[in-house]
């Protein structure tokens, strides 16, 4: 018996090829990528193919903008499997007229990885004092209850999902190197601040090593990993006033406050949410000074 051959390439069975370009792919381009992997191994099922397609498609979406809220991997893979199943039915001639029409229209559209499902409605602005261009008095809103699309990306995303992206001024091109560099520098600054705060906390704990009911001095690398990072929202107006009256440094005052909390049993090894750092004291002193200045 002769081996089975692949059917001739058709509307629902295009020739397999890898992804090209920089913009998010349409469902037809994802289908070509699926056939590309299927030609390498005919034993792969739709779930296996969806898991192979997912990383490359996700990488293109992440290049668009890092602030776009994207769906979970399981949700995207399940939707890809659903599309692949419908396309296979159309290719095998087991689909009705309505399914054929739906699949044909979806093949031309960009496969949406974002969490937005409101289609970004456009509302006419009637305010004369609108900050936008007088010729463009339309505002695009994201009606999703959570994980809203950033305002700076709504115009681009709406144009892309409305089939205008690949052909008009909103087409996604190559990666913006300048914006990418700014984003990387911002992330580095945030990381430095976090490391500095972690080091300050470790210094506070090491200074209090003599307290019997606290923790022993530990110079190992795992010591800093055990430190708390819950945000402390305590207000310390009285401590700030007394610190200014006694002309104590922020570090010294923070050490006294932490030692008092330990003696009272409020600050323990298991409960470190109320640790006071020198930054906390400094902020409290600034707020108290501003209040006193306004009262005068």
C-alpha atoms as a PDB file:
ATOM      1  CA  UNK A   1       0.000   0.000   0.000  1.00  0.00           C
ATOM      2  CA  UNK A   2       1.551   3.363  -1.004  1.00  0.00           C
ATOM      3  CA  UNK A   3       2.261   5.835   1.801  1.00  0.00           C
ATOM      4  CA  UNK A   4      -0.207   8.636   2.405  1.00  0.00           C
ATOM      5  CA  UNK A   5       0.786  11.944   0.869  1.00  0.00           C
ATOM      6  CA  UNK A   6      -0.116  15.407   2.126  1.00  0.00           C
ATOM      7  CA  UNK A   7      -3.008  17.084   0.393  1.00  0.00           C
ATOM      8  CA  UNK A   8      -2.299  19.896  -2.008  1.00  0.00           C
ATOM      9  CA  UNK A   9      -1.856  23.277  -0.289  1.00  0.00           C
ATOM     10  CA  UNK A  10      -5.189  25.028  -0.035  1.00  0.00           C
ATOM     11  CA  UNK A  11      -6.888  27.868   1.802  1.00  0.00           C
ATOM     12  CA  UNK A  12      -7.015  25.901   5.064  1.00  0.00           C
ATOM     13  CA  UNK A  13      -3.746  24.024   4.568  1.00  0.00           C
ATOM     14  CA  UNK A  14      -1.062  26.547   3.519  1.00  0.00           C
ATOM     15  CA  UNK A  15       2.561  25.674   2.940  1.00  0.00           C
ATOM     16  CA  UNK A  16       4.472  25.591   6.206  1.00  0.00           C
ATOM     17  CA  UNK A  17       7.021  28.311   6.864  1.00  0.00           C
ATOM     18  CA  UNK A  18       8.534  30.061   9.932  1.00  0.00           C
ATOM     19  CA  UNK A  19       7.341  33.445  11.138  1.00  0.00           C
ATOM     20  CA  UNK A  20       8.632  36.513   9.315  1.00  0.00           C
ATOM     21  CA  UNK A  21       8.671  40.191  10.213  1.00  0.00           C
ATOM     22  CA  UNK A  22       8.379  42.046  13.495  1.00  0.00           C
ATOM     23  CA  UNK A  23       4.628  42.541  13.933  1.00  0.00           C
ATOM     24  CA  UNK A  24       2.288  40.157  15.799  1.00  0.00           C
ATOM     25  CA  UNK A  25       1.213  37.386  13.395  1.00  0.00           C
ATOM     26  CA  UNK A  26      -2.214  36.684  11.995  1.00  0.00           C
ATOM     27  CA  UNK A  27      -3.904  33.335  12.509  1.00  0.00           C
ATOM     28  CA  UNK A  28      -2.917  32.388   8.926  1.00  0.00           C
ATOM     29  CA  UNK A  29       0.759  32.997   9.722  1.00  0.00           C
ATOM     30  CA  UNK A  30       0.417  30.913  12.891  1.00  0.00           C
ATOM     31  CA  UNK A  31      -1.185  28.167  10.796  1.00  0.00           C
ATOM     32  CA  UNK A  32       1.797  28.230   8.429  1.00  0.00           C
ATOM     33  CA  UNK A  33       4.125  27.921  11.420  1.00  0.00           C
ATOM     34  CA  UNK A  34       2.065  24.974  12.690  1.00  0.00           C
ATOM     35  CA  UNK A  35       2.354  23.225   9.318  1.00  0.00           C
ATOM     36  CA  UNK A  36       6.092  23.964   9.347  1.00  0.00           C
ATOM     37  CA  UNK A  37       6.490  21.990  12.589  1.00  0.00           C
ATOM     38  CA  UNK A  38       4.033  19.330  11.447  1.00  0.00           C
ATOM     39  CA  UNK A  39       6.084  18.643   8.337  1.00  0.00           C
ATOM     40  CA  UNK A  40       9.028  17.842  10.602  1.00  0.00           C
ATOM     41  CA  UNK A  41       7.029  15.334  12.669  1.00  0.00           C
ATOM     42  CA  UNK A  42       3.631  14.065  11.466  1.00  0.00           C
ATOM     43  CA  UNK A  43       2.940  12.386  14.816  1.00  0.00           C
ATOM     44  CA  UNK A  44       2.536  15.704  16.663  1.00  0.00           C
ATOM     45  CA  UNK A  45      -0.956  16.450  17.931  1.00  0.00           C
ATOM     46  CA  UNK A  46      -2.619  19.860  17.994  1.00  0.00           C
ATOM     47  CA  UNK A  47      -1.626  20.434  21.640  1.00  0.00           C
ATOM     48  CA  UNK A  48       2.017  19.656  20.907  1.00  0.00           C
ATOM     49  CA  UNK A  49       1.936  21.962  17.889  1.00  0.00           C
ATOM     50  CA  UNK A  50       0.304  24.748  19.912  1.00  0.00           C
ATOM     51  CA  UNK A  51       3.031  24.495  22.564  1.00  0.00           C
ATOM     52  CA  UNK A  52       5.685  24.748  19.833  1.00  0.00           C
ATOM     53  CA  UNK A  53       3.988  27.742  18.200  1.00  0.00           C
ATOM     54  CA  UNK A  54       3.428  29.620  21.473  1.00  0.00           C
ATOM     55  CA  UNK A  55       7.018  30.773  22.335  1.00  0.00           C
ATOM     56  CA  UNK A  56       7.756  32.332  18.933  1.00  0.00           C
ATOM     57  CA  UNK A  57       4.420  34.123  18.780  1.00  0.00           C
ATOM     58  CA  UNK A  58       4.769  35.354  22.357  1.00  0.00           C
ATOM     59  CA  UNK A  59       8.214  36.777  21.590  1.00  0.00           C
ATOM     60  CA  UNK A  60       6.751  38.960  18.822  1.00  0.00           C
ATOM     61  CA  UNK A  61       4.007  40.254  21.116  1.00  0.00           C
ATOM     62  CA  UNK A  62       6.512  41.077  23.843  1.00  0.00           C
ATOM     63  CA  UNK A  63       8.495  43.162  21.354  1.00  0.00           C
ATOM     64  CA  UNK A  64       5.452  45.363  20.702  1.00  0.00           C
ATOM     65  CA  UNK A  65       5.422  46.843  24.210  1.00  0.00           C
ATOM     66  CA  UNK A  66       6.383  45.396  27.571  1.00  0.00           C
ATOM     67  CA  UNK A  67       3.400  47.062  29.326  1.00  0.00           C
ATOM     68  CA  UNK A  68       0.695  45.265  27.321  1.00  0.00           C
ATOM     69  CA  UNK A  69      -1.189  42.848  29.611  1.00  0.00           C
ATOM     70  CA  UNK A  70      -0.973  39.390  28.037  1.00  0.00           C
ATOM     71  CA  UNK A  71      -3.063  36.308  28.748  1.00  0.00           C
ATOM     72  CA  UNK A  72      -1.759  33.197  30.449  1.00  0.00           C
ATOM     73  CA  UNK A  73      -0.019  30.434  28.536  1.00  0.00           C
ATOM     74  CA  UNK A  74      -2.800  27.896  29.219  1.00  0.00           C
ATOM     75  CA  UNK A  75      -5.492  30.251  27.904  1.00  0.00           C
ATOM     76  CA  UNK A  76      -3.624  30.987  24.674  1.00  0.00           C
ATOM     77  CA  UNK A  77      -2.740  27.352  24.013  1.00  0.00           C
ATOM     78  CA  UNK A  78      -6.361  26.252  24.547  1.00  0.00           C
ATOM     79  CA  UNK A  79      -7.568  28.875  22.071  1.00  0.00           C
ATOM     80  CA  UNK A  80      -4.925  27.817  19.529  1.00  0.00           C
ATOM     81  CA  UNK A  81      -6.058  24.192  19.853  1.00  0.00           C
ATOM     82  CA  UNK A  82      -9.663  25.297  19.298  1.00  0.00           C
ATOM     83  CA  UNK A  83      -8.691  27.198  16.133  1.00  0.00           C
ATOM     84  CA  UNK A  84      -6.580  24.308  14.852  1.00  0.00           C
ATOM     85  CA  UNK A  85      -9.499  21.897  15.359  1.00  0.00           C
ATOM     86  CA  UNK A  86     -11.889  24.146  13.430  1.00  0.00           C
ATOM     87  CA  UNK A  87      -9.379  24.597  10.600  1.00  0.00           C
ATOM     88  CA  UNK A  88      -8.886  20.816  10.357  1.00  0.00           C
ATOM     89  CA  UNK A  89     -12.658  20.363  10.036  1.00  0.00           C
ATOM     90  CA  UNK A  90     -12.749  22.908   7.212  1.00  0.00           C
ATOM     91  CA  UNK A  91      -9.794  21.252   5.485  1.00  0.00           C
ATOM     92  CA  UNK A  92     -11.449  17.821   5.700  1.00  0.00           C
ATOM     93  CA  UNK A  93     -14.779  19.132   4.405  1.00  0.00           C
ATOM     94  CA  UNK A  94     -16.678  18.500   7.659  1.00  0.00           C
ATOM     95  CA  UNK A  95     -17.636  22.133   8.355  1.00  0.00           C
ATOM     96  CA  UNK A  96     -20.920  23.895   7.692  1.00  0.00           C
ATOM     97  CA  UNK A  97     -21.329  27.241   5.958  1.00  0.00           C
ATOM     98  CA  UNK A  98     -21.243  29.300   9.143  1.00  0.00           C
ATOM     99  CA  UNK A  99     -18.049  27.647  10.417  1.00  0.00           C
ATOM    100  CA  UNK A 100     -16.353  28.155   7.042  1.00  0.00           C
ATOM    101  CA  UNK A 101     -17.234  31.853   7.033  1.00  0.00           C
ATOM    102  CA  UNK A 102     -16.001  32.300  10.607  1.00  0.00           C
ATOM    103  CA  UNK A 103     -12.691  30.549   9.965  1.00  0.00           C
ATOM    104  CA  UNK A 104     -12.090  32.520   6.745  1.00  0.00           C
ATOM    105  CA  UNK A 105     -12.562  35.836   8.563  1.00  0.00           C
ATOM    106  CA  UNK A 106     -10.399  34.826  11.526  1.00  0.00           C
ATOM    107  CA  UNK A 107      -7.495  33.734   9.329  1.00  0.00           C
ATOM    108  CA  UNK A 108      -6.976  37.332   8.177  1.00  0.00           C
ATOM    109  CA  UNK A 109      -7.026  38.830  11.681  1.00  0.00           C
ATOM    110  CA  UNK A 110      -4.163  39.176  14.134  1.00  0.00           C
ATOM    111  CA  UNK A 111      -4.284  36.537  16.844  1.00  0.00           C
ATOM    112  CA  UNK A 112      -4.834  38.574  20.012  1.00  0.00           C
ATOM    113  CA  UNK A 113      -2.527  37.705  22.925  1.00  0.00           C
ATOM    114  CA  UNK A 114      -3.736  40.556  25.172  1.00  0.00           C
ATOM    115  CA  UNK A 115      -6.320  40.302  27.936  1.00  0.00           C
ATOM    116  CA  UNK A 116      -8.501  43.001  26.306  1.00  0.00           C
ATOM    117  CA  UNK A 117     -11.901  41.756  25.086  1.00  0.00           C
ATOM    118  CA  UNK A 118     -13.799  45.056  24.805  1.00  0.00           C
ATOM    119  CA  UNK A 119     -12.633  45.843  21.228  1.00  0.00           C
ATOM    120  CA  UNK A 120     -11.479  49.299  22.444  1.00  0.00           C
ATOM    121  CA  UNK A 121     -14.561  51.448  21.626  1.00  0.00           C
ATOM    122  CA  UNK A 122     -14.005  54.924  20.209  1.00  0.00           C
ATOM    123  CA  UNK A 123     -16.001  57.784  21.791  1.00  0.00           C
ATOM    124  CA  UNK A 124     -16.468  61.269  20.370  1.00  0.00           C
ATOM    125  CA  UNK A 125     -15.142  64.044  22.636  1.00  0.00           C
ATOM    126  CA  UNK A 126     -17.331  67.174  22.815  1.00  0.00           C
ATOM    127  CA  UNK A 127     -15.074  69.226  25.076  1.00  0.00           C
ATOM    128  CA  UNK A 128     -13.607  72.332  23.481  1.00  0.00           C
ATOM    129  CA  UNK A 129     -10.682  72.265  25.924  1.00  0.00           C
ATOM    130  CA  UNK A 130      -9.586  68.799  24.864  1.00  0.00           C
ATOM    131  CA  UNK A 131      -5.820  68.306  24.935  1.00  0.00           C
ATOM    132  CA  UNK A 132      -5.897  66.273  21.747  1.00  0.00           C
ATOM    133  CA  UNK A 133      -5.606  67.601  18.229  1.00  0.00           C
ATOM    134  CA  UNK A 134      -8.801  69.516  17.264  1.00  0.00           C
ATOM    135  CA  UNK A 135      -9.087  67.292  14.199  1.00  0.00           C
ATOM    136  CA  UNK A 136      -9.033  64.145  16.336  1.00  0.00           C
ATOM    137  CA  UNK A 137     -11.678  64.561  19.031  1.00  0.00           C
ATOM    138  CA  UNK A 138     -12.153  60.819  19.467  1.00  0.00           C
ATOM    139  CA  UNK A 139     -10.973  59.000  22.566  1.00  0.00           C
ATOM    140  CA  UNK A 140     -10.331  55.250  22.717  1.00  0.00           C
ATOM    141  CA  UNK A 141     -11.381  53.588  25.970  1.00  0.00           C
ATOM    142  CA  UNK A 142     -10.596  50.170  27.420  1.00  0.00           C
ATOM    143  CA  UNK A 143     -13.753  48.884  29.155  1.00  0.00           C
ATOM    144  CA  UNK A 144     -12.126  45.799  30.662  1.00  0.00           C
ATOM    145  CA  UNK A 145     -12.696  45.534  34.444  1.00  0.00           C
ATOM    146  CA  UNK A 146      -8.995  44.893  35.084  1.00  0.00           C
ATOM    147  CA  UNK A 147      -5.680  44.642  33.214  1.00  0.00           C
ATOM    148  CA  UNK A 148      -6.576  47.638  31.054  1.00  0.00           C
ATOM    149  CA  UNK A 149      -4.589  48.482  27.944  1.00  0.00           C
ATOM    150  CA  UNK A 150      -2.267  51.506  28.543  1.00  0.00           C
ATOM    151  CA  UNK A 151      -3.583  54.685  26.952  1.00  0.00           C
ATOM    152  CA  UNK A 152      -0.440  55.136  24.852  1.00  0.00           C
ATOM    153  CA  UNK A 153      -0.956  51.721  23.196  1.00  0.00           C
ATOM    154  CA  UNK A 154      -4.710  51.783  22.522  1.00  0.00           C
ATOM    155  CA  UNK A 155      -4.539  53.474  19.120  1.00  0.00           C
ATOM    156  CA  UNK A 156      -1.940  51.008  17.843  1.00  0.00           C
ATOM    157  CA  UNK A 157      -3.673  47.943  19.243  1.00  0.00           C
ATOM    158  CA  UNK A 158      -7.091  48.992  17.915  1.00  0.00           C
ATOM    159  CA  UNK A 159      -5.653  49.577  14.438  1.00  0.00           C
ATOM    160  CA  UNK A 160      -3.881  46.220  14.539  1.00  0.00           C
ATOM    161  CA  UNK A 161      -6.963  44.257  15.646  1.00  0.00           C
ATOM    162  CA  UNK A 162      -9.178  46.081  13.123  1.00  0.00           C
ATOM    163  CA  UNK A 163      -7.049  44.750  10.232  1.00  0.00           C
ATOM    164  CA  UNK A 164      -5.519  48.181   9.580  1.00  0.00           C
ATOM    165  CA  UNK A 165      -2.197  47.560  11.291  1.00  0.00           C
ATOM    166  CA  UNK A 166      -0.316  45.699   8.541  1.00  0.00           C
ATOM    167  CA  UNK A 167      -1.240  48.252   5.866  1.00  0.00           C
ATOM    168  CA  UNK A 168      -1.427  51.749   7.378  1.00  0.00           C
ATOM    169  CA  UNK A 169       0.599  54.221   9.474  1.00  0.00           C
ATOM    170  CA  UNK A 170       0.096  52.100  12.611  1.00  0.00           C
ATOM    171  CA  UNK A 171       2.016  49.144  11.216  1.00  0.00           C
ATOM    172  CA  UNK A 172       4.461  47.636  13.720  1.00  0.00           C
ATOM    173  CA  UNK A 173       7.989  47.859  12.420  1.00  0.00           C
ATOM    174  CA  UNK A 174      11.361  46.981  13.884  1.00  0.00           C
ATOM    175  CA  UNK A 175      12.152  47.264  17.574  1.00  0.00           C
ATOM    176  CA  UNK A 176      12.467  50.867  18.830  1.00  0.00           C
ATOM    177  CA  UNK A 177      16.026  50.777  20.151  1.00  0.00           C
ATOM    178  CA  UNK A 178      15.788  54.152  21.900  1.00  0.00           C
ATOM    179  CA  UNK A 179      12.639  53.227  23.853  1.00  0.00           C
ATOM    180  CA  UNK A 180      14.074  49.797  24.615  1.00  0.00           C
ATOM    181  CA  UNK A 181      17.225  51.391  26.027  1.00  0.00           C
ATOM    182  CA  UNK A 182      15.153  53.747  28.222  1.00  0.00           C
ATOM    183  CA  UNK A 183      13.082  50.845  29.530  1.00  0.00           C
ATOM    184  CA  UNK A 184      16.194  48.816  30.350  1.00  0.00           C
ATOM    185  CA  UNK A 185      17.786  51.754  32.177  1.00  0.00           C
ATOM    186  CA  UNK A 186      14.585  52.274  34.184  1.00  0.00           C
ATOM    187  CA  UNK A 187      14.548  48.596  35.216  1.00  0.00           C
ATOM    188  CA  UNK A 188      18.207  48.833  36.271  1.00  0.00           C
ATOM    189  CA  UNK A 189      17.461  51.875  38.460  1.00  0.00           C
ATOM    190  CA  UNK A 190      14.554  50.083  40.134  1.00  0.00           C
ATOM    191  CA  UNK A 191      16.739  47.032  40.743  1.00  0.00           C
ATOM    192  CA  UNK A 192      19.475  49.184  42.333  1.00  0.00           C
ATOM    193  CA  UNK A 193      16.940  50.804  44.684  1.00  0.00           C
ATOM    194  CA  UNK A 194      15.647  47.383  45.730  1.00  0.00           C
ATOM    195  CA  UNK A 195      19.178  46.102  46.372  1.00  0.00           C
ATOM    196  CA  UNK A 196      20.024  49.228  48.387  1.00  0.00           C
ATOM    197  CA  UNK A 197      16.889  48.824  50.510  1.00  0.00           C
ATOM    198  CA  UNK A 198      17.694  45.151  51.110  1.00  0.00           C
ATOM    199  CA  UNK A 199      21.234  46.020  52.191  1.00  0.00           C
ATOM    200  CA  UNK A 200      19.937  48.681  54.600  1.00  0.00           C
ATOM    201  CA  UNK A 201      17.592  46.155  56.181  1.00  0.00           C
ATOM    202  CA  UNK A 202      20.408  43.638  56.599  1.00  0.00           C
ATOM    203  CA  UNK A 203      22.559  46.301  58.305  1.00  0.00           C
ATOM    204  CA  UNK A 204      19.735  47.005  60.745  1.00  0.00           C
ATOM    205  CA  UNK A 205      19.429  43.317  61.657  1.00  0.00           C
ATOM    206  CA  UNK A 206      23.155  42.856  62.100  1.00  0.00           C
ATOM    207  CA  UNK A 207      23.281  45.875  64.463  1.00  0.00           C
ATOM    208  CA  UNK A 208      20.611  44.228  66.633  1.00  0.00           C
ATOM    209  CA  UNK A 209      22.383  40.878  66.818  1.00  0.00           C
ATOM    210  CA  UNK A 210      22.896  41.191  70.591  1.00  0.00           C
ATOM    211  CA  UNK A 211      19.172  40.770  71.355  1.00  0.00           C
ATOM    212  CA  UNK A 212      18.503  37.251  72.695  1.00  0.00           C
ATOM    213  CA  UNK A 213      14.890  37.062  71.457  1.00  0.00           C
ATOM    214  CA  UNK A 214      15.791  37.998  67.920  1.00  0.00           C
ATOM    215  CA  UNK A 215      18.090  36.283  65.449  1.00  0.00           C
ATOM    216  CA  UNK A 216      21.750  35.460  65.658  1.00  0.00           C
ATOM    217  CA  UNK A 217      24.316  37.203  63.511  1.00  0.00           C
ATOM    218  CA  UNK A 218      24.432  35.392  60.206  1.00  0.00           C
ATOM    219  CA  UNK A 219      26.958  36.448  57.574  1.00  0.00           C
ATOM    220  CA  UNK A 220      25.925  33.790  55.070  1.00  0.00           C
ATOM    221  CA  UNK A 221      24.559  34.638  51.624  1.00  0.00           C
ATOM    222  CA  UNK A 222      21.152  33.183  52.567  1.00  0.00           C
ATOM    223  CA  UNK A 223      20.706  35.768  55.314  1.00  0.00           C
ATOM    224  CA  UNK A 224      19.576  38.561  52.991  1.00  0.00           C
ATOM    225  CA  UNK A 225      17.171  36.259  51.178  1.00  0.00           C
ATOM    226  CA  UNK A 226      15.206  35.743  54.417  1.00  0.00           C
ATOM    227  CA  UNK A 227      14.600  39.469  54.954  1.00  0.00           C
ATOM    228  CA  UNK A 228      11.035  40.866  54.799  1.00  0.00           C
ATOM    229  CA  UNK A 229       9.871  42.976  51.862  1.00  0.00           C
ATOM    230  CA  UNK A 230       6.288  43.788  52.876  1.00  0.00           C
ATOM    231  CA  UNK A 231       5.677  47.516  52.632  1.00  0.00           C
ATOM    232  CA  UNK A 232       5.514  49.186  56.049  1.00  0.00           C
ATOM    233  CA  UNK A 233       2.665  51.743  56.191  1.00  0.00           C
ATOM    234  CA  UNK A 234       3.133  52.830  59.815  1.00  0.00           C
ATOM    235  CA  UNK A 235       3.155  56.586  60.473  1.00  0.00           C
ATOM    236  CA  UNK A 236       5.755  57.772  63.001  1.00  0.00           C
ATOM    237  CA  UNK A 237       5.007  61.465  63.689  1.00  0.00           C
ATOM    238  CA  UNK A 238       5.976  61.368  67.379  1.00  0.00           C
ATOM    239  CA  UNK A 239       9.213  59.521  66.687  1.00  0.00           C
ATOM    240  CA  UNK A 240      10.046  62.061  63.958  1.00  0.00           C
ATOM    241  CA  UNK A 241       9.393  64.998  66.324  1.00  0.00           C
ATOM    242  CA  UNK A 242      11.561  63.521  69.070  1.00  0.00           C
ATOM    243  CA  UNK A 243      14.299  62.671  66.565  1.00  0.00           C
ATOM    244  CA  UNK A 244      14.463  66.318  65.468  1.00  0.00           C
ATOM    245  CA  UNK A 245      14.396  67.484  69.069  1.00  0.00           C
ATOM    246  CA  UNK A 246      17.300  65.200  70.024  1.00  0.00           C
ATOM    247  CA  UNK A 247      19.226  65.813  66.760  1.00  0.00           C
ATOM    248  CA  UNK A 248      19.659  62.071  66.217  1.00  0.00           C
ATOM    249  CA  UNK A 249      20.631  60.597  62.869  1.00  0.00           C
ATOM    250  CA  UNK A 250      18.114  58.594  60.845  1.00  0.00           C
ATOM    251  CA  UNK A 251      20.106  55.371  61.268  1.00  0.00           C
ATOM    252  CA  UNK A 252      20.445  55.819  65.042  1.00  0.00           C
ATOM    253  CA  UNK A 253      16.738  56.589  65.506  1.00  0.00           C
ATOM    254  CA  UNK A 254      15.730  53.593  63.344  1.00  0.00           C
ATOM    255  CA  UNK A 255      17.968  51.321  65.482  1.00  0.00           C
ATOM    256  CA  UNK A 256      16.348  52.597  68.702  1.00  0.00           C
ATOM    257  CA  UNK A 257      12.829  52.088  67.297  1.00  0.00           C
ATOM    258  CA  UNK A 258      13.620  48.547  66.148  1.00  0.00           C
ATOM    259  CA  UNK A 259      15.218  47.707  69.500  1.00  0.00           C
ATOM    260  CA  UNK A 260      12.101  48.962  71.309  1.00  0.00           C
ATOM    261  CA  UNK A 261       9.839  46.864  69.083  1.00  0.00           C
ATOM    262  CA  UNK A 262      11.957  43.795  69.804  1.00  0.00           C
ATOM    263  CA  UNK A 263      11.828  44.374  73.564  1.00  0.00           C
ATOM    264  CA  UNK A 264       8.037  44.702  73.387  1.00  0.00           C
ATOM    265  CA  UNK A 265       7.814  41.450  71.439  1.00  0.00           C
ATOM    266  CA  UNK A 266       6.240  43.103  68.375  1.00  0.00           C
ATOM    267  CA  UNK A 267       9.224  42.489  66.103  1.00  0.00           C
ATOM    268  CA  UNK A 268      10.201  38.839  65.961  1.00  0.00           C
ATOM    269  CA  UNK A 269      11.853  36.457  63.566  1.00  0.00           C
ATOM    270  CA  UNK A 270       8.473  35.326  62.243  1.00  0.00           C
ATOM    271  CA  UNK A 271       6.898  38.793  62.135  1.00  0.00           C
ATOM    272  CA  UNK A 272       9.163  41.339  60.476  1.00  0.00           C
ATOM    273  CA  UNK A 273       6.553  43.450  58.692  1.00  0.00           C
ATOM    274  CA  UNK A 274       7.056  46.498  60.928  1.00  0.00           C
ATOM    275  CA  UNK A 275      10.818  46.858  60.589  1.00  0.00           C
ATOM    276  CA  UNK A 276      11.718  50.579  60.503  1.00  0.00           C
ATOM    277  CA  UNK A 277      14.548  51.670  58.207  1.00  0.00           C
ATOM    278  CA  UNK A 278      16.388  54.958  58.064  1.00  0.00           C
ATOM    279  CA  UNK A 279      14.412  55.851  54.919  1.00  0.00           C
ATOM    280  CA  UNK A 280      11.206  55.499  56.940  1.00  0.00           C
ATOM    281  CA  UNK A 281      12.526  57.850  59.624  1.00  0.00           C
ATOM    282  CA  UNK A 282      13.724  60.367  57.051  1.00  0.00           C
ATOM    283  CA  UNK A 283      10.328  60.437  55.334  1.00  0.00           C
ATOM    284  CA  UNK A 284       8.502  60.810  58.647  1.00  0.00           C
ATOM    285  CA  UNK A 285      10.739  63.742  59.646  1.00  0.00           C
ATOM    286  CA  UNK A 286      10.108  65.514  56.339  1.00  0.00           C
ATOM    287  CA  UNK A 287       6.342  65.099  56.715  1.00  0.00           C
ATOM    288  CA  UNK A 288       6.401  66.346  60.323  1.00  0.00           C
ATOM    289  CA  UNK A 289       8.530  69.373  59.445  1.00  0.00           C
ATOM    290  CA  UNK A 290       6.129  70.274  56.640  1.00  0.00           C
ATOM    291  CA  UNK A 291       3.151  70.019  59.022  1.00  0.00           C
ATOM    292  CA  UNK A 292       4.854  72.240  61.600  1.00  0.00           C
ATOM    293  CA  UNK A 293       5.738  74.791  58.908  1.00  0.00           C
ATOM    294  CA  UNK A 294       2.106  74.992  57.767  1.00  0.00           C
ATOM    295  CA  UNK A 295       0.856  75.507  61.314  1.00  0.00           C
ATOM    296  CA  UNK A 296       3.112  78.551  61.718  1.00  0.00           C
END
